[in-house]
Amino acid sequence: MWLLCTGVLFALGTISCVVHFNELAWIDMRTYPGRPVAFLLERSSESSNVGVIATATLVQTMDGFP
């Protein structure tokens, strides 16, 4: 059971880290009109950002599991 939980947490954490939406906003697109905050607000519904938020939420939810 612990091995399964560890594997799931590792997979979700990896997915969360691999997606680089925030890297785009704060590093690559820092000269975006309206700066990084505008970039984040305008593109917050993109699938990559939704995936990051979902995996981070799942990892935090499963932290106290068994």
Protein backbone atom coordinates (compact mmCIF):
# COMPACT_ATOMS: atom_id res chain seq x y z
CA MET A 1 0.00 0.00 0.00
CA TRP A 2 2.81 2.41 0.91
CA LEU A 3 4.62 1.62 -2.31
CA LEU A 4 1.51 2.46 -4.32
CA CYS A 5 1.00 5.75 -2.48
CA THR A 6 4.68 6.62 -2.91
CA GLY A 7 4.53 5.85 -6.61
CA VAL A 8 1.42 7.95 -7.14
CA LEU A 9 2.88 10.88 -5.20
CA PHE A 10 6.13 10.64 -7.15
CA ALA A 11 4.29 10.58 -10.48
CA LEU A 12 2.08 13.53 -9.59
CA GLY A 13 5.01 15.53 -8.26
CA THR A 14 6.99 14.85 -11.41
CA ILE A 15 4.12 15.95 -13.63
CA SER A 16 3.74 19.10 -11.57
CA CYS A 17 7.43 19.95 -11.88
CA VAL A 18 7.79 19.10 -15.55
CA VAL A 19 5.12 21.49 -16.74
CA HIS A 20 6.77 24.87 -17.00
CA PHE A 21 3.89 27.31 -17.17
CA ASN A 22 5.25 29.52 -14.41
CA GLU A 23 8.69 29.44 -16.00
CA LEU A 24 7.13 30.87 -19.13
CA ALA A 25 5.44 33.64 -17.19
CA TRP A 26 8.26 34.74 -14.90
CA ILE A 27 11.36 34.06 -17.04
CA ASP A 28 10.69 33.58 -20.73
CA MET A 29 7.78 35.99 -21.14
CA ARG A 30 8.78 38.62 -18.56
CA THR A 31 8.44 41.37 -21.17
CA TYR A 32 4.84 40.38 -21.98
CA PRO A 33 2.54 43.45 -22.12
CA GLY A 34 1.30 43.88 -18.58
CA ARG A 35 4.23 41.85 -17.19
CA PRO A 36 4.06 38.28 -15.81
CA VAL A 37 0.85 38.85 -13.84
CA ALA A 38 -1.06 39.73 -17.02
CA PHE A 39 0.40 36.67 -18.73
CA LEU A 40 -0.78 34.44 -15.87
CA LEU A 41 -4.26 35.96 -15.76
CA GLU A 42 -4.83 35.78 -19.51
CA ARG A 43 -3.62 32.20 -19.83
CA SER A 44 -4.80 30.70 -16.55
CA SER A 45 -7.32 28.43 -18.27
CA GLU A 46 -4.75 26.73 -20.54
CA SER A 47 -4.57 22.98 -20.11
CA SER A 48 -0.96 23.06 -18.94
CA ASN A 49 -1.75 25.45 -16.10
CA VAL A 50 -4.89 23.55 -15.10
CA GLY A 51 -2.80 20.36 -15.05
CA VAL A 52 -0.22 21.91 -12.74
CA ILE A 53 -2.88 23.11 -10.31
CA ALA A 54 -4.68 19.74 -10.38
CA THR A 55 -1.54 17.69 -9.73
CA ALA A 56 -0.37 20.03 -6.97
CA THR A 57 -3.79 19.77 -5.31
CA LEU A 58 -3.74 15.97 -5.56
CA VAL A 59 -0.26 15.79 -4.07
CA GLN A 60 -1.29 17.97 -1.14
CA THR A 61 -4.49 15.97 -0.64
CA MET A 62 -2.66 12.66 -0.64
CA ASP A 63 -0.01 13.91 1.78
CA GLY A 64 -1.98 12.64 4.77
CA PHE A 65 -3.24 9.48 3.03
CA PRO A 66 -2.81 6.23 5.08
